[in-house]
All heavy atoms as atom14 arrays in JSON, in Angstrom:
{
  "sequence": "DLQGGTHIVLEAQDTPDAPVTDDSVNRAVTIVERRINEMGLTEPIVQK",
  "atom14_mask": [
    [1, 1, 1, 1, 1, 1, 1, 1, 0, 0, 0, 0, 0, 0],
    [1, 1, 1, 1, 1, 1, 1, 1, 0, 0, 0, 0, 0, 0],
    [1, 1, 1, 1, 1, 1, 1, 1, 1, 0, 0, 0, 0, 0],
    [1, 1, 1, 1, 0, 0, 0, 0, 0, 0, 0, 0, 0, 0],
    [1, 1, 1, 1, 0, 0, 0, 0, 0, 0, 0, 0, 0, 0],
    [1, 1, 1, 1, 1, 1, 1, 0, 0, 0, 0, 0, 0, 0],
    [1, 1, 1, 1, 1, 1, 1, 1, 1, 1, 0, 0, 0, 0],
    [1, 1, 1, 1, 1, 1, 1, 1, 0, 0, 0, 0, 0, 0],
    [1, 1, 1, 1, 1, 1, 1, 0, 0, 0, 0, 0, 0, 0],
    [1, 1, 1, 1, 1, 1, 1, 1, 0, 0, 0, 0, 0, 0],
    [1, 1, 1, 1, 1, 1, 1, 1, 1, 0, 0, 0, 0, 0],
    [1, 1, 1, 1, 1, 0, 0, 0, 0, 0, 0, 0, 0, 0],
    [1, 1, 1, 1, 1, 1, 1, 1, 1, 0, 0, 0, 0, 0],
    [1, 1, 1, 1, 1, 1, 1, 1, 0, 0, 0, 0, 0, 0],
    [1, 1, 1, 1, 1, 1, 1, 0, 0, 0, 0, 0, 0, 0],
    [1, 1, 1, 1, 1, 1, 1, 0, 0, 0, 0, 0, 0, 0],
    [1, 1, 1, 1, 1, 1, 1, 1, 0, 0, 0, 0, 0, 0],
    [1, 1, 1, 1, 1, 0, 0, 0, 0, 0, 0, 0, 0, 0],
    [1, 1, 1, 1, 1, 1, 1, 0, 0, 0, 0, 0, 0, 0],
    [1, 1, 1, 1, 1, 1, 1, 0, 0, 0, 0, 0, 0, 0],
    [1, 1, 1, 1, 1, 1, 1, 0, 0, 0, 0, 0, 0, 0],
    [1, 1, 1, 1, 1, 1, 1, 1, 0, 0, 0, 0, 0, 0],
    [1, 1, 1, 1, 1, 1, 1, 1, 0, 0, 0, 0, 0, 0],
    [1, 1, 1, 1, 1, 1, 0, 0, 0, 0, 0, 0, 0, 0],
    [1, 1, 1, 1, 1, 1, 1, 0, 0, 0, 0, 0, 0, 0],
    [1, 1, 1, 1, 1, 1, 1, 1, 0, 0, 0, 0, 0, 0],
    [1, 1, 1, 1, 1, 1, 1, 1, 1, 1, 1, 0, 0, 0],
    [1, 1, 1, 1, 1, 0, 0, 0, 0, 0, 0, 0, 0, 0],
    [1, 1, 1, 1, 1, 1, 1, 0, 0, 0, 0, 0, 0, 0],
    [1, 1, 1, 1, 1, 1, 1, 0, 0, 0, 0, 0, 0, 0],
    [1, 1, 1, 1, 1, 1, 1, 1, 0, 0, 0, 0, 0, 0],
    [1, 1, 1, 1, 1, 1, 1, 0, 0, 0, 0, 0, 0, 0],
    [1, 1, 1, 1, 1, 1, 1, 1, 1, 0, 0, 0, 0, 0],
    [1, 1, 1, 1, 1, 1, 1, 1, 1, 1, 1, 0, 0, 0],
    [1, 1, 1, 1, 1, 1, 1, 1, 1, 1, 1, 0, 0, 0],
    [1, 1, 1, 1, 1, 1, 1, 1, 0, 0, 0, 0, 0, 0],
    [1, 1, 1, 1, 1, 1, 1, 1, 0, 0, 0, 0, 0, 0],
    [1, 1, 1, 1, 1, 1, 1, 1, 1, 0, 0, 0, 0, 0],
    [1, 1, 1, 1, 1, 1, 1, 1, 0, 0, 0, 0, 0, 0],
    [1, 1, 1, 1, 0, 0, 0, 0, 0, 0, 0, 0, 0, 0],
    [1, 1, 1, 1, 1, 1, 1, 1, 0, 0, 0, 0, 0, 0],
    [1, 1, 1, 1, 1, 1, 1, 0, 0, 0, 0, 0, 0, 0],
    [1, 1, 1, 1, 1, 1, 1, 1, 1, 0, 0, 0, 0, 0],
    [1, 1, 1, 1, 1, 1, 1, 0, 0, 0, 0, 0, 0, 0],
    [1, 1, 1, 1, 1, 1, 1, 1, 0, 0, 0, 0, 0, 0],
    [1, 1, 1, 1, 1, 1, 1, 0, 0, 0, 0, 0, 0, 0],
    [1, 1, 1, 1, 1, 1, 1, 1, 1, 0, 0, 0, 0, 0],
    [1, 1, 1, 1, 1, 1, 1, 1, 1, 0, 0, 0, 0, 0]
  ],
  "atom14_positions": [
    [[-8.32, -5.75, -15.62], [-8.21, -6.69, -16.71], [-8.84, -6.19, -18.03], [-8.57, -6.71, -19.08], [-8.79, -8.07, -16.33], [-10.25, -7.95, -15.86], [-10.75, -6.82, -15.71], [-10.85, -9.0, -15.61], [0.0, 0.0, 0.0], [0.0, 0.0, 0.0], [0.0, 0.0, 0.0], [0.0, 0.0, 0.0], [0.0, 0.0, 0.0], [0.0, 0.0, 0.0]],
    [[-9.7, -5.18, -17.92], [-10.36, -4.68, -19.11], [-9.75, -3.33, -19.63], [-9.62, -3.08, -20.81], [-11.88, -4.45, -18.84], [-12.7, -5.73, -18.59], [-14.1, -5.33, -18.35], [-12.6, -6.63, -19.78], [0.0, 0.0, 0.0], [0.0, 0.0, 0.0], [0.0, 0.0, 0.0], [0.0, 0.0, 0.0], [0.0, 0.0, 0.0], [0.0, 0.0, 0.0]],
    [[-9.4, -2.44, -18.7], [-8.97, -1.1, -19.12], [-7.49, -0.84, -18.87], [-6.97, 0.21, -19.21], [-9.79, -0.02, -18.42], [-9.62, 0.06, -16.9], [-10.26, 1.24, -16.3], [-10.28, 2.32, -16.91], [-10.8, 1.14, -15.11], [0.0, 0.0, 0.0], [0.0, 0.0, 0.0], [0.0, 0.0, 0.0], [0.0, 0.0, 0.0], [0.0, 0.0, 0.0]],
    [[-6.76, -1.76, -18.26], [-5.38, -1.53, -17.96], [-5.2, -0.63, -16.77], [-6.16, -0.27, -16.1], [0.0, 0.0, 0.0], [0.0, 0.0, 0.0], [0.0, 0.0, 0.0], [0.0, 0.0, 0.0], [0.0, 0.0, 0.0], [0.0, 0.0, 0.0], [0.0, 0.0, 0.0], [0.0, 0.0, 0.0], [0.0, 0.0, 0.0], [0.0, 0.0, 0.0]],
    [[-3.92, -0.28, -16.47], [-3.7, 0.57, -15.36], [-2.27, 0.5, -14.86], [-1.35, 0.24, -15.72], [0.0, 0.0, 0.0], [0.0, 0.0, 0.0], [0.0, 0.0, 0.0], [0.0, 0.0, 0.0], [0.0, 0.0, 0.0], [0.0, 0.0, 0.0], [0.0, 0.0, 0.0], [0.0, 0.0, 0.0], [0.0, 0.0, 0.0], [0.0, 0.0, 0.0]],
    [[-2.03, 0.66, -13.62], [-0.69, 0.68, -13.04], [-0.5, -0.42, -11.94], [-1.36, -0.56, -11.11], [-0.37, 2.07, -12.41], [-0.44, 3.01, -13.46], [1.02, 2.12, -11.82], [0.0, 0.0, 0.0], [0.0, 0.0, 0.0], [0.0, 0.0, 0.0], [0.0, 0.0, 0.0], [0.0, 0.0, 0.0], [0.0, 0.0, 0.0], [0.0, 0.0, 0.0]],
    [[0.64, -1.1, -12.01], [0.98, -2.13, -11.06], [2.22, -1.7, -10.35], [3.24, -1.39, -10.98], [1.24, -3.47, -11.8], [1.7, -4.58, -10.89], [0.86, -5.41, -10.26], [2.97, -4.92, -10.52], [1.56, -6.27, -9.54], [2.85, -6.0, -9.64], [0.0, 0.0, 0.0], [0.0, 0.0, 0.0], [0.0, 0.0, 0.0], [0.0, 0.0, 0.0]],
    [[2.15, -1.5, -9.0], [3.3, -1.0, -8.23], [3.64, -1.99, -7.15], [2.73, -2.55, -6.49], [2.94, 0.35, -7.58], [2.51, 1.35, -8.7], [4.08, 0.93, -6.73], [1.96, 2.68, -8.08], [0.0, 0.0, 0.0], [0.0, 0.0, 0.0], [0.0, 0.0, 0.0], [0.0, 0.0, 0.0], [0.0, 0.0, 0.0], [0.0, 0.0, 0.0]],
    [[4.93, -2.22, -6.95], [5.42, -3.07, -5.88], [6.23, -2.2, -4.92], [7.18, -1.53, -5.32], [6.33, -4.23, -6.37], [6.84, -5.08, -5.2], [5.58, -5.09, -7.42], [0.0, 0.0, 0.0], [0.0, 0.0, 0.0], [0.0, 0.0, 0.0], [0.0, 0.0, 0.0], [0.0, 0.0, 0.0], [0.0, 0.0, 0.0], [0.0, 0.0, 0.0]],
    [[5.77, -2.14, -3.66], [6.46, -1.35, -2.64], [7.06, -2.31, -1.61], [6.55, -3.4, -1.38], [5.45, -0.48, -1.9], [4.63, 0.54, -2.77], [3.53, 1.14, -1.93], [5.51, 1.6, -3.39], [0.0, 0.0, 0.0], [0.0, 0.0, 0.0], [0.0, 0.0, 0.0], [0.0, 0.0, 0.0], [0.0, 0.0, 0.0], [0.0, 0.0, 0.0]],
    [[8.2, -1.84, -1.03], [8.86, -2.65, 0.03], [9.19, -1.77, 1.22], [9.73, -0.66, 1.08], [10.15, -3.29, -0.5], [10.8, -4.22, 0.49], [12.02, -4.94, -0.05], [13.04, -4.26, -0.26], [11.92, -6.18, -0.3], [0.0, 0.0, 0.0], [0.0, 0.0, 0.0], [0.0, 0.0, 0.0], [0.0, 0.0, 0.0], [0.0, 0.0, 0.0]],
    [[8.85, -2.25, 2.39], [9.12, -1.52, 3.6], [10.62, -1.55, 3.95], [11.23, -2.62, 3.86], [8.34, -2.1, 4.81], [0.0, 0.0, 0.0], [0.0, 0.0, 0.0], [0.0, 0.0, 0.0], [0.0, 0.0, 0.0], [0.0, 0.0, 0.0], [0.0, 0.0, 0.0], [0.0, 0.0, 0.0], [0.0, 0.0, 0.0], [0.0, 0.0, 0.0]],
    [[11.17, -0.38, 4.31], [12.6, -0.28, 4.62], [12.83, 0.05, 6.1], [12.06, 0.83, 6.68], [13.19, 0.86, 3.78], [13.01, 0.64, 2.26], [13.9, -0.45, 1.72], [15.07, -0.45, 1.87], [13.28, -1.36, 1.0], [0.0, 0.0, 0.0], [0.0, 0.0, 0.0], [0.0, 0.0, 0.0], [0.0, 0.0, 0.0], [0.0, 0.0, 0.0]],
    [[13.86, -0.59, 6.64], [14.23, -0.29, 8.05], [14.9, 1.07, 8.14], [15.66, 1.45, 7.3], [15.16, -1.33, 8.57], [14.47, -2.68, 8.88], [13.51, -2.65, 9.66], [14.92, -3.71, 8.34], [0.0, 0.0, 0.0], [0.0, 0.0, 0.0], [0.0, 0.0, 0.0], [0.0, 0.0, 0.0], [0.0, 0.0, 0.0], [0.0, 0.0, 0.0]],
    [[14.53, 1.84, 9.14], [15.16, 3.12, 9.45], [15.48, 3.1, 10.95], [14.83, 2.3, 11.71], [14.26, 4.31, 9.1], [13.06, 4.22, 9.89], [13.9, 4.29, 7.61], [0.0, 0.0, 0.0], [0.0, 0.0, 0.0], [0.0, 0.0, 0.0], [0.0, 0.0, 0.0], [0.0, 0.0, 0.0], [0.0, 0.0, 0.0], [0.0, 0.0, 0.0]],
    [[16.41, 3.99, 11.39], [16.72, 4.0, 12.85], [15.5, 4.28, 13.76], [15.4, 3.75, 14.81], [17.78, 5.08, 12.93], [18.4, 5.14, 11.54], [17.3, 4.83, 10.6], [0.0, 0.0, 0.0], [0.0, 0.0, 0.0], [0.0, 0.0, 0.0], [0.0, 0.0, 0.0], [0.0, 0.0, 0.0], [0.0, 0.0, 0.0], [0.0, 0.0, 0.0]],
    [[14.59, 5.11, 13.15], [13.43, 5.49, 13.99], [12.27, 4.56, 13.83], [11.37, 4.55, 14.7], [13.0, 6.9, 13.61], [14.08, 7.99, 13.87], [14.8, 7.78, 14.87], [14.15, 8.96, 13.11], [0.0, 0.0, 0.0], [0.0, 0.0, 0.0], [0.0, 0.0, 0.0], [0.0, 0.0, 0.0], [0.0, 0.0, 0.0], [0.0, 0.0, 0.0]],
    [[12.27, 3.81, 12.7], [11.06, 2.95, 12.45], [11.49, 1.62, 11.82], [11.46, 1.5, 10.59], [10.08, 3.71, 11.53], [0.0, 0.0, 0.0], [0.0, 0.0, 0.0], [0.0, 0.0, 0.0], [0.0, 0.0, 0.0], [0.0, 0.0, 0.0], [0.0, 0.0, 0.0], [0.0, 0.0, 0.0], [0.0, 0.0, 0.0], [0.0, 0.0, 0.0]],
    [[11.85, 0.67, 12.66], [12.21, -0.62, 12.12], [10.95, -1.36, 11.6], [9.84, -1.1, 12.04], [12.77, -1.39, 13.36], [12.14, -0.69, 14.5], [12.02, 0.73, 14.13], [0.0, 0.0, 0.0], [0.0, 0.0, 0.0], [0.0, 0.0, 0.0], [0.0, 0.0, 0.0], [0.0, 0.0, 0.0], [0.0, 0.0, 0.0], [0.0, 0.0, 0.0]],
    [[11.16, -2.2, 10.62], [10.03, -2.9, 9.97], [9.56, -4.08, 10.9], [10.35, -4.93, 11.28], [10.41, -3.47, 8.61], [9.26, -4.25, 8.02], [10.74, -2.3, 7.67], [0.0, 0.0, 0.0], [0.0, 0.0, 0.0], [0.0, 0.0, 0.0], [0.0, 0.0, 0.0], [0.0, 0.0, 0.0], [0.0, 0.0, 0.0], [0.0, 0.0, 0.0]],
    [[8.28, -4.06, 11.2], [7.69, -5.19, 11.93], [6.45, -5.63, 11.17], [5.94, -4.9, 10.27], [7.26, -4.76, 13.36], [6.28, -3.73, 13.29], [8.52, -4.24, 14.13], [0.0, 0.0, 0.0], [0.0, 0.0, 0.0], [0.0, 0.0, 0.0], [0.0, 0.0, 0.0], [0.0, 0.0, 0.0], [0.0, 0.0, 0.0], [0.0, 0.0, 0.0]],
    [[5.93, -6.78, 11.57], [4.69, -7.27, 10.91], [3.54, -6.31, 11.15], [2.74, -6.03, 10.21], [4.35, -8.69, 11.43], [3.26, -9.33, 10.64], [3.43, -9.52, 9.41], [2.19, -9.66, 11.19], [0.0, 0.0, 0.0], [0.0, 0.0, 0.0], [0.0, 0.0, 0.0], [0.0, 0.0, 0.0], [0.0, 0.0, 0.0], [0.0, 0.0, 0.0]],
    [[3.48, -5.74, 12.32], [2.39, -4.79, 12.64], [2.5, -3.49, 11.84], [1.52, -2.98, 11.34], [2.42, -4.49, 14.13], [1.29, -3.46, 14.53], [0.11, -3.79, 14.4], [1.66, -2.38, 14.96], [0.0, 0.0, 0.0], [0.0, 0.0, 0.0], [0.0, 0.0, 0.0], [0.0, 0.0, 0.0], [0.0, 0.0, 0.0], [0.0, 0.0, 0.0]],
    [[3.74, -3.01, 11.7], [3.93, -1.75, 10.96], [3.6, -1.92, 9.48], [3.03, -0.98, 8.86], [5.35, -1.25, 11.14], [6.34, -2.14, 10.57], [0.0, 0.0, 0.0], [0.0, 0.0, 0.0], [0.0, 0.0, 0.0], [0.0, 0.0, 0.0], [0.0, 0.0, 0.0], [0.0, 0.0, 0.0], [0.0, 0.0, 0.0], [0.0, 0.0, 0.0]],
    [[3.94, -3.05, 8.9], [3.61, -3.32, 7.52], [2.08, -3.41, 7.34], [1.49, -2.88, 6.38], [4.31, -4.62, 7.0], [3.88, -4.92, 5.58], [5.81, -4.44, 7.01], [0.0, 0.0, 0.0], [0.0, 0.0, 0.0], [0.0, 0.0, 0.0], [0.0, 0.0, 0.0], [0.0, 0.0, 0.0], [0.0, 0.0, 0.0], [0.0, 0.0, 0.0]],
    [[1.42, -4.09, 8.26], [-0.04, -4.18, 8.17], [-0.71, -2.83, 8.28], [-1.67, -2.52, 7.59], [-0.59, -5.09, 9.27], [-0.24, -6.57, 9.02], [-0.08, -6.99, 7.92], [-0.17, -7.34, 10.11], [0.0, 0.0, 0.0], [0.0, 0.0, 0.0], [0.0, 0.0, 0.0], [0.0, 0.0, 0.0], [0.0, 0.0, 0.0], [0.0, 0.0, 0.0]],
    [[-0.17, -1.95, 9.17], [-0.73, -0.62, 9.28], [-0.44, 0.23, 8.0], [-1.26, 1.01, 7.56], [-0.11, 0.1, 10.48], [-0.76, -0.39, 11.81], [-0.37, 0.44, 12.97], [1.04, 0.32, 13.29], [1.87, 1.32, 13.46], [1.45, 2.6, 13.36], [3.16, 1.15, 13.81], [0.0, 0.0, 0.0], [0.0, 0.0, 0.0], [0.0, 0.0, 0.0]],
    [[0.71, -0.05, 7.4], [1.13, 0.64, 6.16], [0.15, 0.26, 5.05], [-0.28, 1.1, 4.23], [2.51, 0.33, 5.74], [0.0, 0.0, 0.0], [0.0, 0.0, 0.0], [0.0, 0.0, 0.0], [0.0, 0.0, 0.0], [0.0, 0.0, 0.0], [0.0, 0.0, 0.0], [0.0, 0.0, 0.0], [0.0, 0.0, 0.0], [0.0, 0.0, 0.0]],
    [[-0.23, -1.03, 4.96], [-1.2, -1.49, 3.94], [-2.5, -0.76, 4.13], [-3.16, -0.29, 3.18], [-1.4, -3.04, 4.1], [-2.58, -3.48, 3.24], [-0.13, -3.8, 3.66], [0.0, 0.0, 0.0], [0.0, 0.0, 0.0], [0.0, 0.0, 0.0], [0.0, 0.0, 0.0], [0.0, 0.0, 0.0], [0.0, 0.0, 0.0], [0.0, 0.0, 0.0]],
    [[-3.0, -0.62, 5.38], [-4.26, 0.02, 5.68], [-4.2, 1.52, 5.21], [-5.12, 2.02, 4.6], [-4.57, -0.07, 7.15], [-4.65, -1.42, 7.54], [-5.91, 0.63, 7.46], [0.0, 0.0, 0.0], [0.0, 0.0, 0.0], [0.0, 0.0, 0.0], [0.0, 0.0, 0.0], [0.0, 0.0, 0.0], [0.0, 0.0, 0.0], [0.0, 0.0, 0.0]],
    [[-3.11, 2.19, 5.53], [-2.99, 3.59, 5.19], [-2.87, 3.83, 3.65], [-3.47, 4.7, 3.1], [-1.75, 4.2, 5.9], [-2.06, 4.29, 7.39], [-1.48, 5.63, 5.38], [-0.89, 4.69, 8.27], [0.0, 0.0, 0.0], [0.0, 0.0, 0.0], [0.0, 0.0, 0.0], [0.0, 0.0, 0.0], [0.0, 0.0, 0.0], [0.0, 0.0, 0.0]],
    [[-2.08, 2.91, 3.0], [-1.94, 3.06, 1.53], [-3.33, 2.84, 0.9], [-3.7, 3.57, -0.02], [-0.94, 2.01, 1.01], [-1.06, 1.89, -0.52], [0.46, 2.37, 1.4], [0.0, 0.0, 0.0], [0.0, 0.0, 0.0], [0.0, 0.0, 0.0], [0.0, 0.0, 0.0], [0.0, 0.0, 0.0], [0.0, 0.0, 0.0], [0.0, 0.0, 0.0]],
    [[-4.05, 1.84, 1.38], [-5.42, 1.55, 0.85], [-6.31, 2.76, 1.09], [-7.1, 3.17, 0.19], [-5.96, 0.33, 1.48], [-7.28, -0.16, 0.91], [-7.73, -1.49, 1.42], [-7.2, -1.89, 2.5], [-8.56, -2.18, 0.75], [0.0, 0.0, 0.0], [0.0, 0.0, 0.0], [0.0, 0.0, 0.0], [0.0, 0.0, 0.0], [0.0, 0.0, 0.0]],
    [[-6.25, 3.38, 2.23], [-7.04, 4.56, 2.53], [-6.69, 5.74, 1.57], [-7.62, 6.45, 1.06], [-6.85, 4.98, 3.95], [-7.91, 5.93, 4.5], [-7.6, 6.3, 5.95], [-7.45, 5.18, 6.8], [-6.67, 5.14, 7.89], [-6.0, 6.23, 8.24], [-6.58, 4.06, 8.57], [0.0, 0.0, 0.0], [0.0, 0.0, 0.0], [0.0, 0.0, 0.0]],
    [[-5.42, 5.94, 1.34], [-4.98, 7.0, 0.47], [-5.47, 6.8, -1.0], [-5.97, 7.7, -1.65], [-3.48, 7.14, 0.48], [-2.91, 7.66, 1.74], [-1.37, 7.78, 1.66], [-0.89, 8.32, 2.94], [0.41, 8.51, 3.21], [1.28, 8.25, 2.23], [0.8, 8.97, 4.36], [0.0, 0.0, 0.0], [0.0, 0.0, 0.0], [0.0, 0.0, 0.0]],
    [[-5.42, 5.56, -1.44], [-5.84, 5.23, -2.79], [-7.37, 5.4, -2.91], [-7.84, 5.94, -3.94], [-5.41, 3.8, -3.17], [-3.92, 3.73, -3.32], [-6.11, 3.31, -4.45], [-3.39, 2.35, -3.52], [0.0, 0.0, 0.0], [0.0, 0.0, 0.0], [0.0, 0.0, 0.0], [0.0, 0.0, 0.0], [0.0, 0.0, 0.0], [0.0, 0.0, 0.0]],
    [[-8.07, 4.98, -1.89], [-9.54, 5.14, -1.96], [-9.94, 6.59, -1.99], [-10.9, 7.04, -2.65], [-10.2, 4.5, -0.72], [-10.15, 2.97, -0.8], [-10.07, 2.39, -1.88], [-10.16, 2.32, 0.37], [0.0, 0.0, 0.0], [0.0, 0.0, 0.0], [0.0, 0.0, 0.0], [0.0, 0.0, 0.0], [0.0, 0.0, 0.0], [0.0, 0.0, 0.0]],
    [[-9.12, 7.46, -1.3], [-9.38, 8.91, -1.31], [-9.14, 9.47, -2.69], [-9.71, 10.51, -3.11], [-8.49, 9.61, -0.35], [-8.78, 9.32, 1.11], [-9.87, 10.15, 1.7], [-10.44, 11.0, 0.92], [-10.21, 10.03, 2.86], [0.0, 0.0, 0.0], [0.0, 0.0, 0.0], [0.0, 0.0, 0.0], [0.0, 0.0, 0.0], [0.0, 0.0, 0.0]],
    [[-8.28, 8.82, -3.52], [-7.98, 9.28, -4.86], [-9.13, 9.01, -5.84], [-9.17, 9.54, -6.93], [-6.7, 8.64, -5.44], [-5.46, 9.01, -4.72], [-4.0, 7.98, -5.14], [-3.81, 8.44, -6.88], [0.0, 0.0, 0.0], [0.0, 0.0, 0.0], [0.0, 0.0, 0.0], [0.0, 0.0, 0.0], [0.0, 0.0, 0.0], [0.0, 0.0, 0.0]],
    [[-10.13, 8.21, -5.44], [-11.3, 7.93, -6.25], [-11.08, 7.0, -7.4], [-11.8, 7.06, -8.4], [0.0, 0.0, 0.0], [0.0, 0.0, 0.0], [0.0, 0.0, 0.0], [0.0, 0.0, 0.0], [0.0, 0.0, 0.0], [0.0, 0.0, 0.0], [0.0, 0.0, 0.0], [0.0, 0.0, 0.0], [0.0, 0.0, 0.0], [0.0, 0.0, 0.0]],
    [[-10.07, 6.16, -7.29], [-9.82, 5.21, -8.42], [-10.75, 4.04, -8.35], [-11.42, 3.74, -7.33], [-8.34, 4.67, -8.31], [-7.29, 5.79, -8.46], [-5.87, 5.13, -8.28], [-7.36, 6.42, -9.84], [0.0, 0.0, 0.0], [0.0, 0.0, 0.0], [0.0, 0.0, 0.0], [0.0, 0.0, 0.0], [0.0, 0.0, 0.0], [0.0, 0.0, 0.0]],
    [[-10.88, 3.31, -9.47], [-11.84, 2.24, -9.64], [-11.29, 0.93, -9.06], [-10.34, 0.41, -9.57], [-12.19, 2.03, -11.11], [-12.66, 3.25, -11.63], [-13.21, 0.93, -11.29], [0.0, 0.0, 0.0], [0.0, 0.0, 0.0], [0.0, 0.0, 0.0], [0.0, 0.0, 0.0], [0.0, 0.0, 0.0], [0.0, 0.0, 0.0], [0.0, 0.0, 0.0]],
    [[-11.95, 0.43, -8.03], [-11.66, -0.91, -7.46], [-10.12, -1.23, -7.45], [-9.69, -2.15, -8.05], [-12.39, -1.98, -8.25], [-12.52, -3.28, -7.43], [-13.56, -4.19, -8.02], [-14.74, -3.9, -8.02], [-13.14, -5.26, -8.53], [0.0, 0.0, 0.0], [0.0, 0.0, 0.0], [0.0, 0.0, 0.0], [0.0, 0.0, 0.0], [0.0, 0.0, 0.0]],
    [[-9.38, -0.39, -6.69], [-7.95, -0.66, -6.58], [-7.72, -1.96, -5.72], [-8.58, -2.37, -4.93], [-7.4, 0.57, -5.83], [-8.53, 1.04, -5.04], [-9.8, 0.76, -5.88], [0.0, 0.0, 0.0], [0.0, 0.0, 0.0], [0.0, 0.0, 0.0], [0.0, 0.0, 0.0], [0.0, 0.0, 0.0], [0.0, 0.0, 0.0], [0.0, 0.0, 0.0]],
    [[-6.55, -2.55, -5.89], [-6.17, -3.74, -5.13], [-4.92, -3.41, -4.35], [-3.92, -3.01, -4.97], [-5.94, -4.94, -6.01], [-7.28, -5.32, -6.72], [-5.45, -6.12, -5.21], [-7.09, -6.45, -7.78], [0.0, 0.0, 0.0], [0.0, 0.0, 0.0], [0.0, 0.0, 0.0], [0.0, 0.0, 0.0], [0.0, 0.0, 0.0], [0.0, 0.0, 0.0]],
    [[-4.95, -3.59, -3.05], [-3.8, -3.35, -2.2], [-3.67, -4.62, -1.33], [-4.59, -4.9, -0.54], [-3.91, -2.12, -1.3], [-2.71, -1.94, -0.43], [-4.17, -0.86, -2.16], [0.0, 0.0, 0.0], [0.0, 0.0, 0.0], [0.0, 0.0, 0.0], [0.0, 0.0, 0.0], [0.0, 0.0, 0.0], [0.0, 0.0, 0.0], [0.0, 0.0, 0.0]],
    [[-2.52, -5.28, -1.45], [-2.4, -6.47, -0.64], [-0.95, -6.73, -0.24], [-0.02, -6.28, -0.94], [-2.86, -7.74, -1.47], [-2.18, -7.96, -2.73], [-2.84, -9.03, -3.61], [-3.9, -9.5, -3.3], [-2.16, -9.44, -4.7], [0.0, 0.0, 0.0], [0.0, 0.0, 0.0], [0.0, 0.0, 0.0], [0.0, 0.0, 0.0], [0.0, 0.0, 0.0]],
    [[-0.76, -7.37, 0.88], [0.56, -7.63, 1.45], [1.12, -8.88, 0.74], [0.42, -9.87, 0.54], [0.47, -7.82, 2.95], [1.78, -8.08, 3.62], [1.52, -8.28, 5.13], [2.85, -8.68, 5.87], [2.61, -8.91, 7.26], [0.0, 0.0, 0.0], [0.0, 0.0, 0.0], [0.0, 0.0, 0.0], [0.0, 0.0, 0.0], [0.0, 0.0, 0.0]]
  ]
}
């Protein structure tokens, strides 16, 4: 709210090998959050 930044909306897609389930989306949220934290950004927000 003070310095601006980037807002991204992602959507899980069904594939033959990996259909979208509630569990897979929750795990995707955890992994995305982990990757962002590794990038060293300031207080990122990742939510389903």
